[in-house]
Structure formats: structure tokens, C-alpha cells
């Protein structure tokens, strides 16, 4: 079992060096629990199949259950979605960043570990400064299902993540209690 490091971070003005350290962990195939406006997510580099499998293992989540990819801007959307229909563009302009997940046709390069072998990918842009800065620093999308053991309540505080996933996640970015406390709308 690995050591889980908990780092307190400002939700509005996160220290760049903490974000950089978390991004290095993700680049190296590790996992980082991070806050969003909804709940804490269990993050891994969405383009690294080995790292994505670690998310399933940590949560005890069935691998046939696809994951949501968190992005930091609309430009990243084209990396994961083959096409963006007009209705999706309207929803994006009205609700992103925010707790809305769109299911779109997946780009060919999206690992099947993310899509669970489906032809679609779920994507959202969180409305939380820590999440957005982490995604930007990584330079890629981050898978981010709720950072809890499957079947347990979704975590709204870093302590909830630690209670469920201690020793199963490399780092937890503790930015206090999440704003909404419910998962995004799909």
C-alpha cells in the first residue's frame, strides 16, 4: 500500500508549486484526488491507460463503467470528441464551466479504458480553480470519477476521500468543502 499525501490548498488561489507537483504525479501515471464544484474527483491522466486502470482499482469500480474526462477549455474538447454537434455547442456556451457532463462521439485516440469500449466519451469542464489549474498544468484531460470507493457516498471533503481511499491514491488536494455536493448532470 502506498502513502497518501494530503496537501491543503486554497480553492481560489492555489500555490503553483502544489499544482505542479500534482501534475508531475499525474504525468508519471499516478492518481490525485482533487476538488471540483460538485464533489472530489479521483484524477488520472485520461490519455494514460495504465493510470486510468489505477482509478478503477482504487475505487473498486467495474471496468465496464465509463469515466468522465475533465477538461480546462473548449480547445481540449476536440482532443476527446470526434465531433461537437450544434446542440452541444449551445449547452457548452450556457453551462460551462459548470456541473454539466456531455456525452459525445469519442475521438479515436481516447483509450478504451476511459470509454469502457463504447463509441462515446463523457466530458465536462469543472467550475473550480484548483481543478482547472491542474488540468492546464497537466496539459491533458483528467478522468475524474468521484473519489470514493464504489457504492459509498460521494466525497465533499478531503477527509471523506482519505477515509475511503487512504493508501490507494498518491495525493489529495484539500481545498475544503465542495460548493454543490452532488455529481454533475449527464
N, C-alpha and C. Protein backbone atom coordinates (compact mmCIF):
# COMPACT_ATOMS: atom_id res chain seq x y z
N UNK A 1 0.85 -1.18 0.00
CA UNK A 1 0.00 0.00 0.00
C UNK A 1 0.90 1.24 0.00
N UNK A 2 0.54 2.20 -0.83
CA UNK A 2 1.34 3.43 -0.91
C UNK A 2 0.88 4.46 0.11
N UNK A 3 1.71 5.46 0.29
CA UNK A 3 1.39 6.54 1.21
C UNK A 3 0.56 7.59 0.47
N UNK A 4 -0.49 8.04 1.10
CA UNK A 4 -1.32 9.10 0.54
C UNK A 4 -0.93 10.41 1.20
N UNK A 5 -0.53 11.36 0.38
CA UNK A 5 -0.13 12.68 0.89
C UNK A 5 -1.31 13.64 0.75
N UNK A 6 -1.68 14.30 1.83
CA UNK A 6 -2.76 15.29 1.81
C UNK A 6 -2.12 16.67 1.88
N UNK A 7 -2.47 17.53 0.90
CA UNK A 7 -1.91 18.87 0.83
C UNK A 7 -3.07 19.87 0.86
N UNK A 8 -3.04 20.77 1.84
CA UNK A 8 -4.05 21.82 1.92
C UNK A 8 -3.73 22.88 0.87
N UNK A 9 -4.77 23.30 0.15
CA UNK A 9 -4.59 24.24 -0.96
C UNK A 9 -5.75 25.22 -0.98
N UNK A 10 -5.48 26.46 -1.33
CA UNK A 10 -6.54 27.46 -1.42
C UNK A 10 -7.44 27.14 -2.61
N UNK A 11 -8.76 27.15 -2.42
CA UNK A 11 -9.65 26.89 -3.55
C UNK A 11 -9.63 27.99 -4.61
N UNK A 12 -9.27 29.21 -4.21
CA UNK A 12 -9.30 30.33 -5.15
C UNK A 12 -7.92 30.74 -5.64
N UNK A 13 -6.90 30.56 -4.81
CA UNK A 13 -5.54 30.95 -5.18
C UNK A 13 -4.55 29.84 -4.85
N UNK A 14 -4.66 28.69 -5.55
CA UNK A 14 -3.76 27.58 -5.24
C UNK A 14 -2.31 27.91 -5.58
N UNK A 15 -1.40 27.46 -4.73
CA UNK A 15 0.02 27.69 -4.97
C UNK A 15 0.46 26.95 -6.22
N UNK A 16 1.11 27.64 -7.16
CA UNK A 16 1.55 27.00 -8.40
C UNK A 16 2.42 25.77 -8.16
N UNK A 17 3.28 25.81 -7.14
CA UNK A 17 4.17 24.68 -6.91
C UNK A 17 3.41 23.42 -6.47
N UNK A 18 2.29 23.60 -5.78
CA UNK A 18 1.47 22.45 -5.39
C UNK A 18 0.78 21.87 -6.62
N UNK A 19 0.24 22.74 -7.46
CA UNK A 19 -0.38 22.30 -8.71
C UNK A 19 0.64 21.58 -9.58
N UNK A 20 1.84 22.13 -9.68
CA UNK A 20 2.90 21.50 -10.48
C UNK A 20 3.27 20.13 -9.93
N UNK A 21 3.37 20.00 -8.63
CA UNK A 21 3.70 18.71 -8.01
C UNK A 21 2.61 17.68 -8.31
N UNK A 22 1.36 18.09 -8.21
CA UNK A 22 0.25 17.19 -8.51
C UNK A 22 0.27 16.77 -9.98
N UNK A 23 0.57 17.71 -10.87
CA UNK A 23 0.64 17.40 -12.30
C UNK A 23 1.77 16.42 -12.60
N UNK A 24 2.89 16.54 -11.90
CA UNK A 24 4.00 15.59 -12.08
C UNK A 24 3.54 14.18 -11.70
N UNK A 25 2.82 14.06 -10.61
CA UNK A 25 2.29 12.75 -10.20
C UNK A 25 1.41 12.18 -11.30
N UNK A 26 0.54 13.01 -11.87
CA UNK A 26 -0.34 12.55 -12.95
C UNK A 26 0.46 12.16 -14.19
N UNK A 27 1.46 12.96 -14.55
CA UNK A 27 2.30 12.65 -15.72
C UNK A 27 3.02 11.32 -15.55
N UNK A 28 3.36 11.00 -14.31
CA UNK A 28 4.08 9.76 -14.03
C UNK A 28 3.15 8.56 -13.88
N UNK A 29 1.86 8.77 -14.15
CA UNK A 29 0.90 7.67 -14.08
C UNK A 29 0.27 7.47 -12.72
N UNK A 30 0.40 8.47 -11.84
CA UNK A 30 -0.19 8.37 -10.52
C UNK A 30 -1.60 8.92 -10.47
N UNK A 31 -2.15 8.94 -9.26
CA UNK A 31 -3.52 9.43 -9.06
C UNK A 31 -3.53 10.56 -8.04
N UNK A 32 -4.39 11.54 -8.29
CA UNK A 32 -4.54 12.70 -7.41
C UNK A 32 -6.03 12.96 -7.22
N UNK A 33 -6.47 13.01 -5.97
CA UNK A 33 -7.85 13.42 -5.69
C UNK A 33 -7.87 14.94 -5.65
N UNK A 34 -8.84 15.52 -6.35
CA UNK A 34 -8.89 16.98 -6.48
C UNK A 34 -10.33 17.47 -6.33
N UNK A 35 -10.49 18.71 -5.86
CA UNK A 35 -11.83 19.25 -5.68
C UNK A 35 -12.41 19.78 -6.99
N UNK A 36 -13.71 19.63 -7.12
CA UNK A 36 -14.46 20.32 -8.17
C UNK A 36 -15.59 21.07 -7.46
N UNK A 37 -16.42 21.75 -8.22
CA UNK A 37 -17.54 22.44 -7.59
C UNK A 37 -18.60 21.46 -7.08
N UNK A 38 -18.57 20.23 -7.58
CA UNK A 38 -19.58 19.24 -7.19
C UNK A 38 -19.08 18.37 -6.04
N UNK A 39 -18.13 17.48 -6.32
CA UNK A 39 -17.54 16.59 -5.32
C UNK A 39 -16.04 16.47 -5.62
N UNK A 40 -15.32 15.78 -4.77
CA UNK A 40 -13.91 15.50 -5.06
C UNK A 40 -13.83 14.39 -6.11
N UNK A 41 -12.92 14.59 -7.08
CA UNK A 41 -12.72 13.60 -8.12
C UNK A 41 -11.42 12.85 -7.91
N UNK A 42 -11.37 11.61 -8.40
CA UNK A 42 -10.15 10.81 -8.36
C UNK A 42 -9.51 10.90 -9.74
N UNK A 43 -8.45 11.69 -9.83
CA UNK A 43 -7.87 12.04 -11.12
C UNK A 43 -6.72 11.18 -11.56
N UNK A 44 -6.67 10.97 -12.88
CA UNK A 44 -5.55 10.34 -13.56
C UNK A 44 -5.51 10.93 -14.97
N UNK A 45 -4.35 10.88 -15.60
CA UNK A 45 -4.20 11.35 -16.98
C UNK A 45 -5.10 10.52 -17.88
N UNK A 46 -6.06 11.17 -18.52
CA UNK A 46 -7.04 10.47 -19.35
C UNK A 46 -6.43 9.77 -20.56
N UNK A 47 -5.23 10.17 -20.95
CA UNK A 47 -4.60 9.55 -22.12
C UNK A 47 -3.61 8.44 -21.73
N UNK A 48 -3.55 8.10 -20.46
CA UNK A 48 -2.65 7.06 -19.97
C UNK A 48 -3.48 5.87 -19.48
N UNK A 49 -3.62 4.82 -20.32
CA UNK A 49 -4.48 3.69 -19.94
C UNK A 49 -4.08 3.04 -18.62
N UNK A 50 -2.78 2.94 -18.35
CA UNK A 50 -2.32 2.32 -17.10
C UNK A 50 -2.80 3.15 -15.90
N UNK A 51 -2.68 4.47 -15.99
CA UNK A 51 -3.13 5.35 -14.91
C UNK A 51 -4.64 5.27 -14.73
N UNK A 52 -5.37 5.19 -15.84
CA UNK A 52 -6.83 5.10 -15.77
C UNK A 52 -7.24 3.81 -15.05
N UNK A 53 -6.53 2.71 -15.32
CA UNK A 53 -6.83 1.45 -14.64
C UNK A 53 -6.64 1.58 -13.12
N UNK A 54 -5.67 2.40 -12.70
CA UNK A 54 -5.46 2.63 -11.26
C UNK A 54 -6.70 3.25 -10.60
N UNK A 55 -7.41 4.09 -11.34
CA UNK A 55 -8.63 4.70 -10.81
C UNK A 55 -9.67 3.62 -10.54
N UNK A 56 -9.85 2.72 -11.51
CA UNK A 56 -10.81 1.63 -11.33
C UNK A 56 -10.42 0.77 -10.13
N UNK A 57 -9.13 0.46 -10.02
CA UNK A 57 -8.65 -0.38 -8.91
C UNK A 57 -8.86 0.30 -7.57
N UNK A 58 -8.52 1.57 -7.47
CA UNK A 58 -8.65 2.29 -6.20
C UNK A 58 -10.10 2.34 -5.73
N UNK A 59 -11.01 2.57 -6.67
CA UNK A 59 -12.43 2.70 -6.33
C UNK A 59 -13.12 1.35 -6.17
N UNK A 60 -12.53 0.28 -6.75
CA UNK A 60 -13.26 -0.98 -6.82
C UNK A 60 -14.41 -0.87 -7.80
N UNK A 61 -14.20 -0.07 -8.84
CA UNK A 61 -15.24 0.23 -9.83
C UNK A 61 -15.15 -0.77 -10.99
N UNK A 62 -16.27 -1.27 -11.45
CA UNK A 62 -16.24 -2.18 -12.60
C UNK A 62 -15.69 -1.47 -13.84
N UNK A 63 -14.85 -2.16 -14.60
CA UNK A 63 -14.21 -1.54 -15.76
C UNK A 63 -15.16 -1.32 -16.93
N UNK A 64 -16.39 -1.83 -16.83
CA UNK A 64 -17.37 -1.58 -17.90
C UNK A 64 -18.19 -0.32 -17.63
N UNK A 65 -17.78 0.46 -16.65
CA UNK A 65 -18.46 1.70 -16.29
C UNK A 65 -17.58 2.87 -16.75
N UNK A 66 -17.94 3.56 -17.84
CA UNK A 66 -17.07 4.61 -18.39
C UNK A 66 -16.84 5.76 -17.42
N UNK A 67 -15.75 6.50 -17.67
CA UNK A 67 -15.35 7.61 -16.81
C UNK A 67 -15.60 8.95 -17.49
N UNK A 68 -15.74 9.99 -16.70
CA UNK A 68 -15.86 11.36 -17.21
C UNK A 68 -14.47 11.96 -17.34
N UNK A 69 -14.23 12.63 -18.47
CA UNK A 69 -12.98 13.36 -18.67
C UNK A 69 -13.23 14.82 -18.35
N UNK A 70 -12.40 15.37 -17.46
CA UNK A 70 -12.47 16.79 -17.11
C UNK A 70 -11.48 17.55 -17.98
N UNK A 71 -11.94 18.65 -18.56
CA UNK A 71 -11.09 19.48 -19.41
C UNK A 71 -11.09 20.91 -18.87
N UNK A 72 -10.11 21.70 -19.32
CA UNK A 72 -9.98 23.07 -18.81
C UNK A 72 -10.48 24.13 -19.78
N UNK A 73 -10.64 23.77 -21.06
CA UNK A 73 -11.13 24.74 -22.04
C UNK A 73 -11.72 24.00 -23.23
N UNK A 74 -12.43 24.74 -24.06
CA UNK A 74 -13.10 24.12 -25.21
C UNK A 74 -12.12 23.53 -26.21
N UNK A 75 -10.92 24.09 -26.30
CA UNK A 75 -9.92 23.55 -27.22
C UNK A 75 -9.58 22.11 -26.88
N UNK A 76 -9.54 21.78 -25.60
CA UNK A 76 -9.24 20.40 -25.20
C UNK A 76 -10.36 19.45 -25.60
N UNK A 77 -11.55 19.96 -25.77
CA UNK A 77 -12.68 19.10 -26.13
C UNK A 77 -12.41 18.36 -27.42
N UNK A 78 -11.79 19.02 -28.40
CA UNK A 78 -11.53 18.37 -29.69
C UNK A 78 -10.53 17.22 -29.58
N UNK A 79 -9.75 17.17 -28.50
CA UNK A 79 -8.83 16.05 -28.29
C UNK A 79 -9.60 14.78 -27.94
N UNK A 80 -10.76 14.94 -27.35
CA UNK A 80 -11.50 13.79 -26.84
C UNK A 80 -12.77 13.47 -27.62
N UNK A 81 -13.36 14.48 -28.27
CA UNK A 81 -14.60 14.28 -29.00
C UNK A 81 -14.35 14.41 -30.50
N UNK A 82 -14.86 13.45 -31.25
CA UNK A 82 -14.68 13.48 -32.70
C UNK A 82 -15.45 14.62 -33.34
N UNK A 83 -16.64 14.87 -32.83
CA UNK A 83 -17.45 15.97 -33.36
C UNK A 83 -18.24 16.60 -32.22
N UNK A 84 -18.57 17.87 -32.41
CA UNK A 84 -19.33 18.60 -31.41
C UNK A 84 -20.57 19.15 -32.10
N UNK A 85 -21.71 18.48 -31.92
CA UNK A 85 -22.94 18.92 -32.58
C UNK A 85 -23.37 20.32 -32.13
N UNK A 86 -24.15 21.01 -32.95
CA UNK A 86 -24.61 22.36 -32.60
C UNK A 86 -25.29 22.45 -31.23
N UNK A 87 -26.10 21.45 -30.89
CA UNK A 87 -26.79 21.49 -29.59
C UNK A 87 -25.78 21.42 -28.44
N UNK A 88 -24.70 20.65 -28.63
CA UNK A 88 -23.65 20.57 -27.61
C UNK A 88 -22.96 21.92 -27.47
N UNK A 89 -22.73 22.60 -28.59
CA UNK A 89 -22.09 23.92 -28.54
C UNK A 89 -22.96 24.91 -27.77
N UNK A 90 -24.28 24.82 -27.95
CA UNK A 90 -25.19 25.71 -27.22
C UNK A 90 -25.13 25.43 -25.72
N UNK A 91 -25.13 24.14 -25.36
CA UNK A 91 -25.07 23.77 -23.95
C UNK A 91 -23.74 24.22 -23.33
N UNK A 92 -22.66 24.06 -24.08
CA UNK A 92 -21.34 24.47 -23.60
C UNK A 92 -21.32 25.97 -23.31
N UNK A 93 -21.85 26.76 -24.26
CA UNK A 93 -21.80 28.22 -24.09
C UNK A 93 -22.65 28.67 -22.89
N UNK A 94 -23.69 27.92 -22.58
CA UNK A 94 -24.58 28.31 -21.49
C UNK A 94 -24.14 27.76 -20.12
N UNK A 95 -23.60 26.53 -20.10
CA UNK A 95 -23.40 25.85 -18.82
C UNK A 95 -21.95 25.53 -18.44
N UNK A 96 -20.98 25.77 -19.32
CA UNK A 96 -19.58 25.50 -18.97
C UNK A 96 -18.85 26.79 -18.69
N UNK A 97 -17.93 26.84 -17.76
CA UNK A 97 -17.67 25.74 -16.83
C UNK A 97 -18.84 25.57 -15.86
N UNK A 98 -19.04 24.31 -15.46
CA UNK A 98 -20.13 24.01 -14.55
C UNK A 98 -20.44 22.54 -14.50
N UNK A 99 -21.43 22.17 -13.70
CA UNK A 99 -21.72 20.76 -13.42
C UNK A 99 -22.58 20.07 -14.49
N UNK A 100 -22.19 20.23 -15.75
CA UNK A 100 -22.88 19.55 -16.85
C UNK A 100 -21.88 18.69 -17.60
N UNK A 101 -22.19 17.40 -17.72
CA UNK A 101 -21.37 16.46 -18.47
C UNK A 101 -22.06 16.16 -19.79
N UNK A 102 -21.30 16.27 -20.89
CA UNK A 102 -21.83 15.95 -22.21
C UNK A 102 -21.27 14.61 -22.67
N UNK A 103 -22.11 13.82 -23.31
CA UNK A 103 -21.69 12.54 -23.89
C UNK A 103 -21.64 12.73 -25.40
N UNK A 104 -20.42 12.59 -25.95
CA UNK A 104 -20.17 12.86 -27.37
C UNK A 104 -19.46 11.68 -28.01
N UNK A 105 -19.43 11.67 -29.34
CA UNK A 105 -18.70 10.62 -30.05
C UNK A 105 -17.21 10.77 -29.73
N UNK A 106 -16.61 9.69 -29.26
CA UNK A 106 -15.21 9.73 -28.82
C UNK A 106 -14.25 9.81 -29.99
N UNK A 107 -13.19 10.58 -29.83
CA UNK A 107 -12.09 10.60 -30.80
C UNK A 107 -11.40 9.24 -30.74
N UNK A 108 -10.81 8.84 -31.84
CA UNK A 108 -10.19 7.52 -31.94
C UNK A 108 -9.06 7.31 -30.93
N UNK A 109 -8.40 8.38 -30.51
CA UNK A 109 -7.25 8.24 -29.61
C UNK A 109 -7.63 8.07 -28.14
N UNK A 110 -8.89 8.23 -27.80
CA UNK A 110 -9.30 8.10 -26.40
C UNK A 110 -9.19 6.63 -25.99
N UNK A 111 -8.43 6.34 -24.94
CA UNK A 111 -8.27 4.95 -24.51
C UNK A 111 -9.60 4.29 -24.17
N UNK A 112 -9.73 3.02 -24.54
CA UNK A 112 -10.99 2.32 -24.25
C UNK A 112 -11.20 2.13 -22.75
N UNK A 113 -10.14 2.25 -21.96
CA UNK A 113 -10.30 2.21 -20.50
C UNK A 113 -11.17 3.38 -20.03
N UNK A 114 -11.11 4.49 -20.73
CA UNK A 114 -11.91 5.67 -20.38
C UNK A 114 -13.36 5.48 -20.81
N UNK A 115 -13.55 4.96 -22.02
CA UNK A 115 -14.90 4.83 -22.60
C UNK A 115 -15.58 3.51 -22.27
N UNK A 116 -14.86 2.59 -21.63
CA UNK A 116 -15.36 1.24 -21.37
C UNK A 116 -15.73 0.55 -22.68
N UNK A 117 -14.99 0.88 -23.74
CA UNK A 117 -15.22 0.24 -25.03
C UNK A 117 -16.37 0.82 -25.82
N UNK A 118 -17.03 1.85 -25.31
CA UNK A 118 -18.14 2.47 -26.03
C UNK A 118 -17.59 3.44 -27.08
N UNK A 119 -18.44 3.87 -27.99
CA UNK A 119 -18.03 4.82 -29.03
C UNK A 119 -18.19 6.26 -28.57
N UNK A 120 -18.60 6.45 -27.33
CA UNK A 120 -18.83 7.79 -26.80
C UNK A 120 -17.88 8.07 -25.63
N UNK A 121 -17.75 9.36 -25.34
CA UNK A 121 -16.94 9.80 -24.20
C UNK A 121 -17.73 10.88 -23.45
N UNK A 122 -17.66 10.82 -22.13
CA UNK A 122 -18.31 11.82 -21.29
C UNK A 122 -17.27 12.89 -20.93
N UNK A 123 -17.63 14.16 -21.14
CA UNK A 123 -16.69 15.26 -20.93
C UNK A 123 -17.38 16.40 -20.18
N UNK A 124 -16.62 17.03 -19.28
CA UNK A 124 -17.14 18.22 -18.62
C UNK A 124 -16.00 19.17 -18.28
N UNK A 125 -16.36 20.43 -18.07
CA UNK A 125 -15.41 21.46 -17.66
C UNK A 125 -15.83 21.93 -16.26
N UNK A 126 -15.08 21.52 -15.23
CA UNK A 126 -15.47 21.88 -13.87
C UNK A 126 -15.34 23.38 -13.62
N UNK A 127 -16.13 23.87 -12.70
CA UNK A 127 -16.09 25.28 -12.31
C UNK A 127 -15.39 25.41 -10.96
N UNK A 128 -14.11 25.02 -10.95
CA UNK A 128 -13.31 25.09 -9.72
C UNK A 128 -11.88 25.41 -10.12
N UNK A 129 -11.32 26.45 -9.52
CA UNK A 129 -10.00 26.93 -9.89
C UNK A 129 -8.90 25.87 -9.73
N UNK A 130 -8.95 25.08 -8.66
CA UNK A 130 -7.93 24.04 -8.45
C UNK A 130 -7.99 23.02 -9.58
N UNK A 131 -9.19 22.54 -9.90
CA UNK A 131 -9.34 21.55 -10.96
C UNK A 131 -8.85 22.11 -12.30
N UNK A 132 -9.27 23.32 -12.63
CA UNK A 132 -8.89 23.91 -13.92
C UNK A 132 -7.39 24.12 -14.02
N UNK A 133 -6.77 24.60 -12.94
CA UNK A 133 -5.32 24.82 -12.98
C UNK A 133 -4.57 23.50 -13.09
N UNK A 134 -5.06 22.46 -12.42
CA UNK A 134 -4.40 21.15 -12.50
C UNK A 134 -4.49 20.59 -13.92
N UNK A 135 -5.64 20.70 -14.54
CA UNK A 135 -5.82 20.21 -15.92
C UNK A 135 -4.91 20.99 -16.86
N UNK A 136 -4.87 22.30 -16.71
CA UNK A 136 -3.99 23.12 -17.57
C UNK A 136 -2.53 22.75 -17.37
N UNK A 137 -2.12 22.57 -16.14
CA UNK A 137 -0.72 22.24 -15.86
C UNK A 137 -0.36 20.87 -16.43
N UNK A 138 -1.28 19.92 -16.36
CA UNK A 138 -1.03 18.60 -16.95
C UNK A 138 -0.96 18.71 -18.47
N UNK A 139 -1.80 19.58 -19.05
CA UNK A 139 -1.83 19.73 -20.50
C UNK A 139 -2.67 18.67 -21.19
N UNK A 140 -3.51 18.00 -20.42
CA UNK A 140 -4.37 16.96 -20.97
C UNK A 140 -5.60 16.86 -20.08
N UNK A 141 -6.59 16.14 -20.57
CA UNK A 141 -7.78 15.90 -19.77
C UNK A 141 -7.47 14.96 -18.61
N UNK A 142 -8.27 15.05 -17.59
CA UNK A 142 -8.11 14.20 -16.41
C UNK A 142 -9.41 13.44 -16.18
N UNK A 143 -9.33 12.10 -16.11
CA UNK A 143 -10.52 11.36 -15.71
C UNK A 143 -10.77 11.71 -14.25
N UNK A 144 -12.03 11.79 -13.87
CA UNK A 144 -12.31 12.24 -12.51
C UNK A 144 -13.63 11.75 -11.97
N UNK A 145 -13.79 10.43 -11.81
CA UNK A 145 -15.00 9.97 -11.12
C UNK A 145 -14.92 10.40 -9.66
N UNK A 146 -16.00 10.29 -8.95
CA UNK A 146 -15.97 10.68 -7.54
C UNK A 146 -14.89 9.89 -6.80
N UNK A 147 -14.20 10.56 -5.89
CA UNK A 147 -13.05 9.98 -5.20
C UNK A 147 -13.49 9.22 -3.95
N UNK A 148 -14.22 8.15 -4.19
CA UNK A 148 -14.73 7.31 -3.11
C UNK A 148 -14.71 5.86 -3.57
N UNK A 149 -14.82 4.94 -2.63
CA UNK A 149 -14.98 3.54 -3.00
C UNK A 149 -16.35 3.38 -3.64
N UNK A 150 -16.44 2.56 -4.69
CA UNK A 150 -17.73 2.37 -5.37
C UNK A 150 -18.80 1.97 -4.37
N UNK A 151 -19.95 2.60 -4.50
CA UNK A 151 -21.08 2.32 -3.63
C UNK A 151 -21.13 3.18 -2.37
N UNK A 152 -20.08 3.93 -2.10
CA UNK A 152 -20.04 4.80 -0.93
C UNK A 152 -20.50 6.21 -1.32
N UNK A 153 -20.90 7.03 -0.34
CA UNK A 153 -21.32 8.40 -0.66
C UNK A 153 -20.20 9.19 -1.32
N UNK A 154 -20.57 10.06 -2.23
CA UNK A 154 -19.59 10.90 -2.92
C UNK A 154 -18.97 11.88 -1.94
N UNK A 155 -17.65 12.08 -2.03
CA UNK A 155 -16.94 12.91 -1.05
C UNK A 155 -17.06 14.40 -1.34
N UNK A 156 -17.42 15.14 -0.31
CA UNK A 156 -17.49 16.59 -0.42
C UNK A 156 -16.36 17.26 0.36
N UNK A 157 -15.55 16.45 1.05
CA UNK A 157 -14.40 16.95 1.80
C UNK A 157 -13.23 15.99 1.60
N UNK A 158 -12.02 16.52 1.72
CA UNK A 158 -10.82 15.69 1.56
C UNK A 158 -10.79 14.55 2.58
N UNK A 159 -11.30 14.79 3.77
CA UNK A 159 -11.30 13.73 4.80
C UNK A 159 -12.13 12.54 4.34
N UNK A 160 -13.23 12.78 3.62
CA UNK A 160 -14.04 11.68 3.09
C UNK A 160 -13.22 10.84 2.13
N UNK A 161 -12.42 11.51 1.29
CA UNK A 161 -11.55 10.80 0.34
C UNK A 161 -10.55 9.96 1.11
N UNK A 162 -9.93 10.55 2.10
CA UNK A 162 -8.93 9.84 2.90
C UNK A 162 -9.55 8.64 3.59
N UNK A 163 -10.75 8.79 4.12
CA UNK A 163 -11.43 7.68 4.79
C UNK A 163 -11.63 6.50 3.86
N UNK A 164 -11.96 6.76 2.61
CA UNK A 164 -12.24 5.69 1.63
C UNK A 164 -11.00 5.20 0.90
N UNK A 165 -10.07 6.09 0.57
CA UNK A 165 -9.01 5.74 -0.38
C UNK A 165 -7.59 5.88 0.17
N UNK A 166 -7.43 5.99 1.47
CA UNK A 166 -6.09 6.10 2.05
C UNK A 166 -5.24 4.92 1.59
N UNK A 167 -4.04 5.23 1.08
CA UNK A 167 -3.15 4.20 0.59
C UNK A 167 -3.45 3.74 -0.83
N UNK A 168 -4.51 4.27 -1.42
CA UNK A 168 -4.89 3.89 -2.79
C UNK A 168 -4.77 5.04 -3.77
N UNK A 169 -4.45 6.23 -3.26
CA UNK A 169 -4.29 7.43 -4.08
C UNK A 169 -2.99 8.11 -3.63
N UNK A 170 -2.27 8.68 -4.59
CA UNK A 170 -0.97 9.27 -4.27
C UNK A 170 -1.07 10.59 -3.52
N UNK A 171 -2.01 11.44 -3.92
CA UNK A 171 -2.12 12.77 -3.32
C UNK A 171 -3.59 13.19 -3.27
N UNK A 172 -3.92 13.93 -2.22
CA UNK A 172 -5.24 14.55 -2.10
C UNK A 172 -5.02 16.05 -1.95
N UNK A 173 -5.63 16.82 -2.84
CA UNK A 173 -5.59 18.28 -2.75
C UNK A 173 -6.80 18.74 -1.93
N UNK A 174 -6.55 19.18 -0.72
CA UNK A 174 -7.62 19.55 0.21
C UNK A 174 -7.91 21.04 0.10
N UNK A 175 -9.03 21.36 -0.55
CA UNK A 175 -9.45 22.76 -0.71
C UNK A 175 -10.74 23.03 0.05
N UNK A 176 -10.99 22.24 1.09
CA UNK A 176 -12.19 22.45 1.88
C UNK A 176 -13.40 21.74 1.30
N UNK A 177 -14.57 22.13 1.75
CA UNK A 177 -15.83 21.51 1.33
C UNK A 177 -16.23 22.01 -0.05
N UNK A 178 -16.70 21.08 -0.88
CA UNK A 178 -17.14 21.45 -2.23
C UNK A 178 -18.42 22.28 -2.16
N UNK A 179 -18.68 23.05 -3.23
CA UNK A 179 -19.79 24.00 -3.22
C UNK A 179 -21.16 23.35 -3.40
N UNK A 180 -21.24 22.35 -4.29
CA UNK A 180 -22.55 21.81 -4.65
C UNK A 180 -22.86 20.52 -3.90
N UNK A 181 -21.90 19.59 -3.85
CA UNK A 181 -22.09 18.37 -3.08
C UNK A 181 -22.83 17.26 -3.79
N UNK A 182 -23.19 17.46 -5.06
CA UNK A 182 -23.84 16.44 -5.88
C UNK A 182 -23.07 16.32 -7.18
N UNK A 183 -23.08 15.11 -7.78
CA UNK A 183 -22.39 14.91 -9.04
C UNK A 183 -23.00 15.78 -10.14
N UNK A 184 -22.26 15.89 -11.24
CA UNK A 184 -22.73 16.70 -12.37
C UNK A 184 -23.91 16.02 -13.06
N UNK A 185 -24.69 16.82 -13.76
CA UNK A 185 -25.78 16.32 -14.59
C UNK A 185 -25.20 15.79 -15.88
N UNK A 186 -25.64 14.60 -16.31
CA UNK A 186 -25.16 14.00 -17.56
C UNK A 186 -26.27 14.10 -18.58
